[in-house]
Amino acid sequence: MSTPADDVGKQLLAMLPVLRRFALSLTRSADKADDLVQSACERALASADRYEPGTRFDAWMFRIMRNLWIDRLRREKVAGPMDDIDDRSNIVGVSGEQVIEARSEMSSVSDAIAALPDEQREVLMLTCVEDMPYREVADMLGIPIGTVMSRLARARRRLAEATGITGDGARSSVQQGKRP
C-alpha cells in the first residue's frame, strides 16, 4: 500500500519540468528557480497528507511554489539588499591578526587610562574624548587653564610610557596652536 508521500513523490517527478518553468517565470534566475523548486518539493512531501486526491495536483504545487516565493520576497525586503559573493571581486577580508593586535592595543590603552590619577584622567577624558576646549574644562573644574594643560601633558606622558609609545619629534596640537 502506498503512502500519501509516495503518491505525491511520483506526481512531483512527472511535474518537475513544469515546476521549473514556473519557478523561472517567478524568479528570473536559474539558481533561484532551482532553489524554489527544491523548497516546493520539500514542502509538498512534508505536507503530502494535506493533498486531497481528486483535486488538481498542479494547482496545489503552483500555490505552494508561489507562496514560498512571496515569503522569500518578503524576507529579502526586510533583510535588505544582498550581494552574491561570487559577483564581488573587490571584497577585501579583514586580517584576524590585525583585529587581535588592535584589540590588544585598545585594552592596554584602556588599562593605562584607568591607572591615571583621577585629576589627570578627568582632564584627559574631557579634552580628548569629549573634545571640550581647555577654557571650558578649566571653568567646569574650577581650576586655572594652565593646570588643565599641565595635567593633560602629564596624562599624555604617562599613557605614552604605559603603552610603549615613543616620541618621534612631532609637535603636539597644543604646540602648533590648535587648542586653547
N, C-alpha and C. Protein backbone atom coordinates (compact mmCIF):
# COMPACT_ATOMS: atom_id res chain seq x y z
N MET A 1 0.84 -1.18 0.00
CA MET A 1 0.00 0.00 0.00
C MET A 1 0.89 1.25 0.00
N SER A 2 0.57 2.20 -0.84
CA SER A 2 1.39 3.40 -0.97
C SER A 2 0.90 4.48 0.00
N THR A 3 1.86 5.27 0.44
CA THR A 3 1.55 6.36 1.36
C THR A 3 1.26 7.62 0.57
N PRO A 4 0.66 8.63 1.22
CA PRO A 4 0.43 9.89 0.51
C PRO A 4 1.73 10.51 -0.02
N ALA A 5 2.82 10.34 0.72
CA ALA A 5 4.10 10.88 0.27
C ALA A 5 4.58 10.17 -0.99
N ASP A 6 4.34 8.88 -1.10
CA ASP A 6 4.73 8.14 -2.31
C ASP A 6 3.96 8.67 -3.51
N ASP A 7 2.65 8.85 -3.33
CA ASP A 7 1.81 9.35 -4.43
C ASP A 7 2.25 10.75 -4.86
N VAL A 8 2.49 11.61 -3.88
CA VAL A 8 2.93 12.98 -4.17
C VAL A 8 4.30 12.94 -4.84
N GLY A 9 5.19 12.08 -4.37
CA GLY A 9 6.53 11.97 -4.95
C GLY A 9 6.49 11.58 -6.41
N LYS A 10 5.63 10.63 -6.76
CA LYS A 10 5.52 10.21 -8.16
C LYS A 10 5.01 11.35 -9.03
N GLN A 11 4.03 12.08 -8.53
CA GLN A 11 3.48 13.19 -9.31
C GLN A 11 4.50 14.33 -9.44
N LEU A 12 5.29 14.52 -8.38
CA LEU A 12 6.33 15.55 -8.43
C LEU A 12 7.36 15.25 -9.52
N LEU A 13 7.80 14.00 -9.58
CA LEU A 13 8.79 13.62 -10.59
C LEU A 13 8.28 13.93 -12.00
N ALA A 14 7.02 13.61 -12.24
CA ALA A 14 6.46 13.84 -13.57
C ALA A 14 6.31 15.34 -13.86
N MET A 15 6.17 16.14 -12.81
CA MET A 15 5.88 17.56 -12.98
C MET A 15 7.10 18.47 -12.86
N LEU A 16 8.28 17.92 -12.59
CA LEU A 16 9.47 18.75 -12.36
C LEU A 16 9.76 19.76 -13.49
N PRO A 17 9.70 19.38 -14.77
CA PRO A 17 9.97 20.38 -15.81
C PRO A 17 8.98 21.55 -15.79
N VAL A 18 7.73 21.25 -15.51
CA VAL A 18 6.69 22.30 -15.45
C VAL A 18 6.95 23.20 -14.25
N LEU A 19 7.31 22.60 -13.12
CA LEU A 19 7.60 23.38 -11.91
C LEU A 19 8.80 24.30 -12.14
N ARG A 20 9.81 23.78 -12.82
CA ARG A 20 11.00 24.60 -13.06
C ARG A 20 10.68 25.76 -13.98
N ARG A 21 9.84 25.52 -15.00
CA ARG A 21 9.45 26.62 -15.89
C ARG A 21 8.71 27.70 -15.11
N PHE A 22 7.79 27.28 -14.24
CA PHE A 22 7.03 28.24 -13.45
C PHE A 22 7.97 28.99 -12.49
N ALA A 23 8.90 28.27 -11.90
CA ALA A 23 9.85 28.90 -10.98
C ALA A 23 10.71 29.93 -11.72
N LEU A 24 11.14 29.60 -12.93
CA LEU A 24 11.92 30.55 -13.73
C LEU A 24 11.12 31.82 -14.03
N SER A 25 9.81 31.63 -14.28
CA SER A 25 8.99 32.81 -14.56
C SER A 25 8.84 33.69 -13.33
N LEU A 26 8.88 33.09 -12.15
CA LEU A 26 8.77 33.87 -10.91
C LEU A 26 10.10 34.55 -10.55
N THR A 27 11.18 33.79 -10.61
CA THR A 27 12.46 34.26 -10.08
C THR A 27 13.33 34.97 -11.10
N ARG A 28 13.19 34.62 -12.37
CA ARG A 28 14.03 35.15 -13.44
C ARG A 28 15.52 34.84 -13.22
N SER A 29 15.78 33.75 -12.53
CA SER A 29 17.15 33.32 -12.26
C SER A 29 17.15 31.80 -12.14
N ALA A 30 18.06 31.17 -12.87
CA ALA A 30 18.11 29.70 -12.86
C ALA A 30 18.44 29.16 -11.47
N ASP A 31 19.40 29.78 -10.79
CA ASP A 31 19.77 29.30 -9.46
C ASP A 31 18.62 29.44 -8.47
N LYS A 32 17.98 30.61 -8.50
CA LYS A 32 16.86 30.82 -7.57
C LYS A 32 15.68 29.91 -7.92
N ALA A 33 15.50 29.66 -9.22
CA ALA A 33 14.40 28.78 -9.64
C ALA A 33 14.63 27.37 -9.13
N ASP A 34 15.87 26.88 -9.25
CA ASP A 34 16.18 25.54 -8.75
C ASP A 34 15.94 25.45 -7.24
N ASP A 35 16.37 26.49 -6.52
CA ASP A 35 16.14 26.51 -5.07
C ASP A 35 14.66 26.52 -4.74
N LEU A 36 13.89 27.28 -5.50
CA LEU A 36 12.45 27.37 -5.27
C LEU A 36 11.77 26.03 -5.55
N VAL A 37 12.15 25.37 -6.63
CA VAL A 37 11.58 24.05 -6.94
C VAL A 37 11.90 23.07 -5.83
N GLN A 38 13.14 23.08 -5.38
CA GLN A 38 13.53 22.17 -4.30
C GLN A 38 12.72 22.45 -3.03
N SER A 39 12.58 23.71 -2.68
CA SER A 39 11.80 24.06 -1.48
C SER A 39 10.34 23.65 -1.63
N ALA A 40 9.80 23.85 -2.81
CA ALA A 40 8.41 23.49 -3.05
C ALA A 40 8.22 21.97 -2.96
N CYS A 41 9.17 21.22 -3.51
CA CYS A 41 9.08 19.75 -3.41
C CYS A 41 9.19 19.29 -1.96
N GLU A 42 10.10 19.90 -1.22
CA GLU A 42 10.23 19.55 0.20
C GLU A 42 8.93 19.84 0.94
N ARG A 43 8.36 21.01 0.68
CA ARG A 43 7.11 21.39 1.35
C ARG A 43 5.98 20.44 0.98
N ALA A 44 5.91 20.07 -0.30
CA ALA A 44 4.85 19.18 -0.76
C ALA A 44 4.99 17.80 -0.11
N LEU A 45 6.22 17.29 -0.06
CA LEU A 45 6.42 15.97 0.56
C LEU A 45 6.14 16.01 2.06
N ALA A 46 6.51 17.11 2.71
CA ALA A 46 6.28 17.23 4.15
C ALA A 46 4.80 17.35 4.48
N SER A 47 4.04 17.90 3.55
CA SER A 47 2.60 18.05 3.80
C SER A 47 1.76 17.23 2.82
N ALA A 48 2.29 16.07 2.44
CA ALA A 48 1.59 15.21 1.49
C ALA A 48 0.23 14.76 2.01
N ASP A 49 0.11 14.63 3.32
CA ASP A 49 -1.18 14.19 3.88
C ASP A 49 -2.26 15.27 3.73
N ARG A 50 -1.89 16.50 3.40
CA ARG A 50 -2.87 17.57 3.20
C ARG A 50 -3.40 17.62 1.77
N TYR A 51 -2.70 16.95 0.85
CA TYR A 51 -3.17 16.96 -0.53
C TYR A 51 -4.40 16.06 -0.63
N GLU A 52 -5.42 16.61 -1.21
CA GLU A 52 -6.67 15.86 -1.37
C GLU A 52 -6.72 15.23 -2.75
N PRO A 53 -6.66 13.89 -2.82
CA PRO A 53 -6.73 13.22 -4.13
C PRO A 53 -8.02 13.63 -4.85
N GLY A 54 -7.91 13.81 -6.12
CA GLY A 54 -9.05 14.23 -6.92
C GLY A 54 -8.98 15.72 -7.24
N THR A 55 -8.19 16.47 -6.50
CA THR A 55 -8.01 17.89 -6.83
C THR A 55 -6.81 18.01 -7.76
N ARG A 56 -6.68 19.14 -8.37
CA ARG A 56 -5.59 19.33 -9.32
C ARG A 56 -4.26 19.44 -8.60
N PHE A 57 -3.38 18.50 -8.88
CA PHE A 57 -2.06 18.47 -8.25
C PHE A 57 -1.23 19.66 -8.69
N ASP A 58 -1.30 20.01 -9.98
CA ASP A 58 -0.50 21.12 -10.47
C ASP A 58 -0.90 22.44 -9.80
N ALA A 59 -2.19 22.65 -9.60
CA ALA A 59 -2.65 23.87 -8.94
C ALA A 59 -2.15 23.91 -7.49
N TRP A 60 -2.16 22.77 -6.82
CA TRP A 60 -1.68 22.69 -5.44
C TRP A 60 -0.18 23.03 -5.39
N MET A 61 0.59 22.47 -6.31
CA MET A 61 2.03 22.73 -6.36
C MET A 61 2.34 24.18 -6.73
N PHE A 62 1.60 24.72 -7.69
CA PHE A 62 1.83 26.12 -8.06
C PHE A 62 1.54 27.05 -6.89
N ARG A 63 0.50 26.74 -6.13
CA ARG A 63 0.16 27.56 -4.96
C ARG A 63 1.27 27.47 -3.91
N ILE A 64 1.78 26.27 -3.67
CA ILE A 64 2.89 26.10 -2.72
C ILE A 64 4.09 26.92 -3.19
N MET A 65 4.43 26.79 -4.48
CA MET A 65 5.60 27.48 -5.01
C MET A 65 5.42 28.99 -4.95
N ARG A 66 4.26 29.46 -5.31
CA ARG A 66 4.00 30.91 -5.29
C ARG A 66 4.07 31.45 -3.87
N ASN A 67 3.50 30.73 -2.91
CA ASN A 67 3.55 31.18 -1.51
C ASN A 67 4.99 31.21 -0.99
N LEU A 68 5.77 30.20 -1.35
CA LEU A 68 7.18 30.19 -0.95
C LEU A 68 7.92 31.39 -1.55
N TRP A 69 7.63 31.70 -2.80
CA TRP A 69 8.29 32.82 -3.45
C TRP A 69 7.90 34.15 -2.79
N ILE A 70 6.64 34.31 -2.48
CA ILE A 70 6.19 35.54 -1.81
C ILE A 70 6.84 35.66 -0.44
N ASP A 71 6.92 34.57 0.28
CA ASP A 71 7.59 34.59 1.59
C ASP A 71 9.05 35.00 1.45
N ARG A 72 9.71 34.48 0.42
CA ARG A 72 11.12 34.81 0.20
C ARG A 72 11.29 36.28 -0.14
N LEU A 73 10.42 36.81 -0.99
CA LEU A 73 10.48 38.23 -1.33
C LEU A 73 10.28 39.10 -0.10
N ARG A 74 9.36 38.72 0.75
CA ARG A 74 9.13 39.50 1.98
C ARG A 74 10.35 39.46 2.89
N ARG A 75 10.97 38.28 3.03
CA ARG A 75 12.18 38.16 3.86
C ARG A 75 13.31 39.03 3.29
N GLU A 76 13.47 39.00 1.97
CA GLU A 76 14.52 39.79 1.34
C GLU A 76 14.27 41.28 1.50
N LYS A 77 13.00 41.67 1.43
CA LYS A 77 12.66 43.07 1.58
C LYS A 77 13.02 43.56 2.98
N VAL A 78 12.74 42.73 3.97
CA VAL A 78 13.05 43.09 5.35
C VAL A 78 14.55 43.04 5.59
N ALA A 79 15.23 42.06 5.01
CA ALA A 79 16.67 41.88 5.23
C ALA A 79 17.49 42.93 4.48
N GLY A 80 16.96 43.51 3.44
CA GLY A 80 17.70 44.48 2.65
C GLY A 80 18.45 43.81 1.52
N PRO A 81 19.19 44.60 0.76
CA PRO A 81 19.89 44.05 -0.41
C PRO A 81 21.01 43.10 0.01
N MET A 82 21.15 42.05 -0.77
CA MET A 82 22.19 41.05 -0.51
C MET A 82 22.97 40.86 -1.80
N ASP A 83 24.29 40.85 -1.68
CA ASP A 83 25.15 40.64 -2.84
C ASP A 83 25.65 39.21 -2.83
N ASP A 84 25.76 38.65 -4.03
CA ASP A 84 26.36 37.33 -4.17
C ASP A 84 27.86 37.51 -4.10
N ILE A 85 28.50 36.80 -3.23
CA ILE A 85 29.95 36.98 -3.01
C ILE A 85 30.74 36.66 -4.27
N ASP A 86 30.22 35.80 -5.12
CA ASP A 86 30.93 35.47 -6.36
C ASP A 86 30.94 36.66 -7.33
N ASP A 87 29.96 37.54 -7.20
CA ASP A 87 29.89 38.71 -8.07
C ASP A 87 30.79 39.84 -7.59
N ARG A 88 31.30 39.74 -6.40
CA ARG A 88 32.10 40.81 -5.80
C ARG A 88 33.58 40.43 -5.81
N SER A 89 34.33 41.06 -6.68
CA SER A 89 35.75 40.76 -6.75
C SER A 89 36.57 41.73 -5.91
N ASN A 90 35.94 42.80 -5.44
CA ASN A 90 36.68 43.83 -4.71
C ASN A 90 36.56 43.72 -3.20
N ILE A 91 36.08 42.61 -2.70
CA ILE A 91 35.93 42.43 -1.26
C ILE A 91 37.29 42.07 -0.67
N VAL A 92 37.67 42.81 0.32
CA VAL A 92 38.93 42.54 1.00
C VAL A 92 38.59 42.01 2.39
N GLY A 93 39.17 40.91 2.72
CA GLY A 93 38.93 40.33 4.03
C GLY A 93 39.69 41.07 5.12
N VAL A 94 39.21 40.94 6.32
CA VAL A 94 39.86 41.56 7.46
C VAL A 94 40.89 40.58 8.01
N SER A 95 42.04 41.11 8.29
CA SER A 95 43.09 40.28 8.84
C SER A 95 42.79 40.01 10.31
N GLY A 96 42.67 38.77 10.66
CA GLY A 96 42.40 38.41 12.04
C GLY A 96 43.52 38.86 12.96
N GLU A 97 44.74 38.82 12.44
CA GLU A 97 45.89 39.26 13.22
C GLU A 97 45.79 40.74 13.56
N GLN A 98 45.37 41.55 12.59
CA GLN A 98 45.23 42.99 12.82
C GLN A 98 44.14 43.27 13.84
N VAL A 99 43.06 42.53 13.78
CA VAL A 99 41.97 42.72 14.73
C VAL A 99 42.44 42.40 16.14
N ILE A 100 43.15 41.31 16.30
CA ILE A 100 43.65 40.91 17.62
C ILE A 100 44.64 41.94 18.15
N GLU A 101 45.54 42.42 17.28
CA GLU A 101 46.50 43.43 17.70
C GLU A 101 45.80 44.71 18.12
N ALA A 102 44.81 45.13 17.34
CA ALA A 102 44.08 46.36 17.66
C ALA A 102 43.34 46.22 18.99
N ARG A 103 42.73 45.07 19.21
CA ARG A 103 42.04 44.85 20.49
C ARG A 103 43.01 44.86 21.66
N SER A 104 44.17 44.27 21.45
CA SER A 104 45.20 44.24 22.49
C SER A 104 45.67 45.66 22.81
N GLU A 105 45.91 46.46 21.76
CA GLU A 105 46.33 47.84 21.97
C GLU A 105 45.24 48.64 22.69
N MET A 106 43.99 48.45 22.26
CA MET A 106 42.89 49.16 22.92
C MET A 106 42.79 48.77 24.38
N SER A 107 43.00 47.52 24.66
CA SER A 107 42.94 47.06 26.05
C SER A 107 44.05 47.68 26.87
N SER A 108 45.26 47.75 26.30
CA SER A 108 46.38 48.33 27.06
C SER A 108 46.17 49.83 27.26
N VAL A 109 45.63 50.53 26.27
CA VAL A 109 45.34 51.96 26.42
C VAL A 109 44.25 52.17 27.46
N SER A 110 43.22 51.34 27.41
CA SER A 110 42.14 51.44 28.38
C SER A 110 42.66 51.21 29.80
N ASP A 111 43.52 50.22 29.97
CA ASP A 111 44.11 49.95 31.28
C ASP A 111 44.98 51.12 31.73
N ALA A 112 45.73 51.70 30.80
CA ALA A 112 46.60 52.83 31.14
C ALA A 112 45.78 54.05 31.54
N ILE A 113 44.68 54.29 30.87
CA ILE A 113 43.80 55.41 31.24
C ILE A 113 43.20 55.17 32.61
N ALA A 114 42.79 53.95 32.88
CA ALA A 114 42.21 53.63 34.18
C ALA A 114 43.23 53.80 35.30
N ALA A 115 44.51 53.62 35.01
CA ALA A 115 45.55 53.73 36.03
C ALA A 115 45.98 55.18 36.31
N LEU A 116 45.52 56.11 35.47
CA LEU A 116 45.88 57.51 35.69
C LEU A 116 45.26 58.03 36.99
N PRO A 117 45.91 59.00 37.63
CA PRO A 117 45.27 59.66 38.78
C PRO A 117 43.96 60.31 38.33
N ASP A 118 43.02 60.42 39.23
CA ASP A 118 41.69 60.93 38.89
C ASP A 118 41.72 62.28 38.19
N GLU A 119 42.53 63.24 38.71
CA GLU A 119 42.53 64.58 38.13
C GLU A 119 43.09 64.57 36.71
N GLN A 120 44.05 63.69 36.42
CA GLN A 120 44.58 63.60 35.06
C GLN A 120 43.60 62.90 34.13
N ARG A 121 42.97 61.83 34.64
CA ARG A 121 42.01 61.08 33.82
C ARG A 121 40.83 61.96 33.44
N GLU A 122 40.29 62.76 34.38
CA GLU A 122 39.13 63.57 34.04
C GLU A 122 39.48 64.65 33.03
N VAL A 123 40.66 65.26 33.15
CA VAL A 123 41.07 66.28 32.18
C VAL A 123 41.28 65.62 30.80
N LEU A 124 41.92 64.47 30.78
CA LEU A 124 42.14 63.76 29.52
C LEU A 124 40.81 63.41 28.84
N MET A 125 39.89 62.89 29.60
CA MET A 125 38.59 62.49 29.03
C MET A 125 37.81 63.69 28.52
N LEU A 126 37.82 64.77 29.29
CA LEU A 126 37.05 65.95 28.88
C LEU A 126 37.65 66.62 27.64
N THR A 127 38.98 66.70 27.57
CA THR A 127 39.60 67.38 26.44
C THR A 127 39.73 66.50 25.21
N CYS A 128 40.15 65.26 25.40
CA CYS A 128 40.44 64.40 24.25
C CYS A 128 39.23 63.59 23.78
N VAL A 129 38.44 63.11 24.71
CA VAL A 129 37.30 62.28 24.31
C VAL A 129 36.06 63.14 24.06
N GLU A 130 35.76 64.03 25.01
CA GLU A 130 34.57 64.88 24.86
C GLU A 130 34.85 66.12 24.01
N ASP A 131 36.11 66.34 23.66
CA ASP A 131 36.54 67.43 22.77
C ASP A 131 36.14 68.81 23.29
N MET A 132 36.24 68.98 24.60
CA MET A 132 35.92 70.28 25.20
C MET A 132 37.17 71.16 25.15
N PRO A 133 37.00 72.45 24.90
CA PRO A 133 38.13 73.39 24.94
C PRO A 133 38.70 73.49 26.35
N TYR A 134 39.98 73.78 26.43
CA TYR A 134 40.64 73.86 27.73
C TYR A 134 39.95 74.86 28.65
N ARG A 135 39.53 75.99 28.12
CA ARG A 135 38.89 77.03 28.92
C ARG A 135 37.62 76.48 29.59
N GLU A 136 36.79 75.74 28.84
CA GLU A 136 35.56 75.18 29.41
C GLU A 136 35.89 74.14 30.49
N VAL A 137 36.92 73.33 30.25
CA VAL A 137 37.32 72.33 31.24
C VAL A 137 37.79 73.04 32.51
N ALA A 138 38.59 74.08 32.33
CA ALA A 138 39.09 74.83 33.49
C ALA A 138 37.93 75.44 34.28
N ASP A 139 36.97 76.04 33.58
CA ASP A 139 35.82 76.64 34.25
C ASP A 139 34.99 75.58 34.95
N MET A 140 34.78 74.45 34.27
CA MET A 140 33.95 73.38 34.84
C MET A 140 34.59 72.80 36.10
N LEU A 141 35.90 72.61 36.08
CA LEU A 141 36.59 72.01 37.22
C LEU A 141 37.01 73.05 38.27
N GLY A 142 36.90 74.33 37.91
CA GLY A 142 37.27 75.38 38.85
C GLY A 142 38.77 75.47 39.08
N ILE A 143 39.54 75.25 38.02
CA ILE A 143 41.00 75.31 38.11
C ILE A 143 41.52 76.21 37.00
N PRO A 144 42.75 76.73 37.14
CA PRO A 144 43.32 77.57 36.07
C PRO A 144 43.56 76.75 34.79
N ILE A 145 43.54 77.45 33.66
CA ILE A 145 43.74 76.78 32.37
C ILE A 145 45.14 76.15 32.30
N GLY A 146 46.12 76.77 32.94
CA GLY A 146 47.46 76.21 32.97
C GLY A 146 47.50 74.86 33.67
N THR A 147 46.68 74.71 34.71
CA THR A 147 46.61 73.44 35.42
C THR A 147 46.00 72.36 34.52
N VAL A 148 44.98 72.75 33.74
CA VAL A 148 44.38 71.80 32.79
C VAL A 148 45.45 71.32 31.82
N MET A 149 46.22 72.26 31.30
CA MET A 149 47.24 71.91 30.31
C MET A 149 48.34 71.04 30.92
N SER A 150 48.75 71.34 32.14
CA SER A 150 49.82 70.53 32.74
C SER A 150 49.31 69.13 33.11
N ARG A 151 48.07 69.03 33.59
CA ARG A 151 47.52 67.71 33.90
C ARG A 151 47.38 66.88 32.62
N LEU A 152 46.96 67.54 31.57
CA LEU A 152 46.82 66.84 30.30
C LEU A 152 48.17 66.38 29.78
N ALA A 153 49.17 67.22 29.90
CA ALA A 153 50.51 66.84 29.44
C ALA A 153 51.04 65.65 30.24
N ARG A 154 50.83 65.68 31.56
CA ARG A 154 51.29 64.56 32.39
C ARG A 154 50.52 63.28 32.05
N ALA A 155 49.22 63.41 31.79
CA ALA A 155 48.40 62.24 31.44
C ALA A 155 48.88 61.64 30.12
N ARG A 156 49.14 62.49 29.16
CA ARG A 156 49.63 62.01 27.87
C ARG A 156 50.98 61.32 28.00
N ARG A 157 51.87 61.91 28.80
CA ARG A 157 53.18 61.32 29.00
C ARG A 157 53.05 59.95 29.65
N ARG A 158 52.22 59.84 30.68
CA ARG A 158 52.02 58.54 31.35
C ARG A 158 51.43 57.50 30.39
N LEU A 159 50.48 57.93 29.58
CA LEU A 159 49.88 57.00 28.60
C LEU A 159 50.93 56.53 27.60
N ALA A 160 51.76 57.44 27.14
CA ALA A 160 52.80 57.07 26.18
C ALA A 160 53.77 56.08 26.81
N GLU A 161 54.15 56.32 28.04
CA GLU A 161 55.07 55.41 28.72
C GLU A 161 54.42 54.05 28.95
N ALA A 162 53.15 54.06 29.40
CA ALA A 162 52.46 52.81 29.72
C ALA A 162 52.20 51.96 28.49
N THR A 163 52.02 52.59 27.34
CA THR A 163 51.69 51.85 26.13
C THR A 163 52.89 51.65 25.22
N GLY A 164 54.05 52.18 25.62
CA GLY A 164 55.26 51.97 24.83
C GLY A 164 55.38 52.87 23.63
N ILE A 165 54.67 53.97 23.63
CA ILE A 165 54.76 54.91 22.52
C ILE A 165 55.99 55.79 22.74
N THR A 166 56.80 55.87 21.73
CA THR A 166 58.00 56.71 21.84
C THR A 166 57.80 57.97 21.03
N GLY A 167 58.36 59.06 21.49
CA GLY A 167 58.23 60.33 20.77
C GLY A 167 59.03 60.30 19.50
N ASP A 168 58.45 60.80 18.41
CA ASP A 168 59.16 60.83 17.13
C ASP A 168 59.54 62.26 16.75
N GLY A 169 59.42 63.15 17.72
CA GLY A 169 59.79 64.52 17.44
C GLY A 169 58.65 65.35 16.89
N ALA A 170 57.48 64.76 16.67
CA ALA A 170 56.35 65.50 16.15
C ALA A 170 55.81 66.44 17.22
N ARG A 171 55.32 67.56 16.81
CA ARG A 171 54.78 68.54 17.76
C ARG A 171 53.34 68.21 18.05
N SER A 172 52.93 68.47 19.26
CA SER A 172 51.53 68.23 19.64
C SER A 172 50.67 69.33 19.07
N SER A 173 49.34 69.11 19.08
CA SER A 173 48.42 70.12 18.55
C SER A 173 48.46 71.38 19.41
N VAL A 174 48.81 71.27 20.71
CA VAL A 174 48.90 72.45 21.57
C VAL A 174 50.07 73.30 21.13
N GLN A 175 51.21 72.64 20.83
CA GLN A 175 52.39 73.38 20.41
C GLN A 175 52.16 74.04 19.05
N GLN A 176 51.29 73.46 18.25
CA GLN A 176 51.02 74.01 16.93
C GLN A 176 49.96 75.10 16.98
N GLY A 177 49.42 75.35 18.17
CA GLY A 177 48.44 76.41 18.34
C GLY A 177 47.02 76.02 17.98
N LYS A 178 46.69 74.74 17.97
CA LYS A 178 45.36 74.31 17.56
C LYS A 178 44.38 74.22 18.72
N ARG A 179 44.83 74.22 19.95
CA ARG A 179 43.93 74.10 21.09
C ARG A 179 43.66 75.45 21.71
N PRO A 180 43.56 75.60 22.97
CA PRO A 180 43.01 76.66 23.78
C PRO A 180 42.47 77.79 23.01
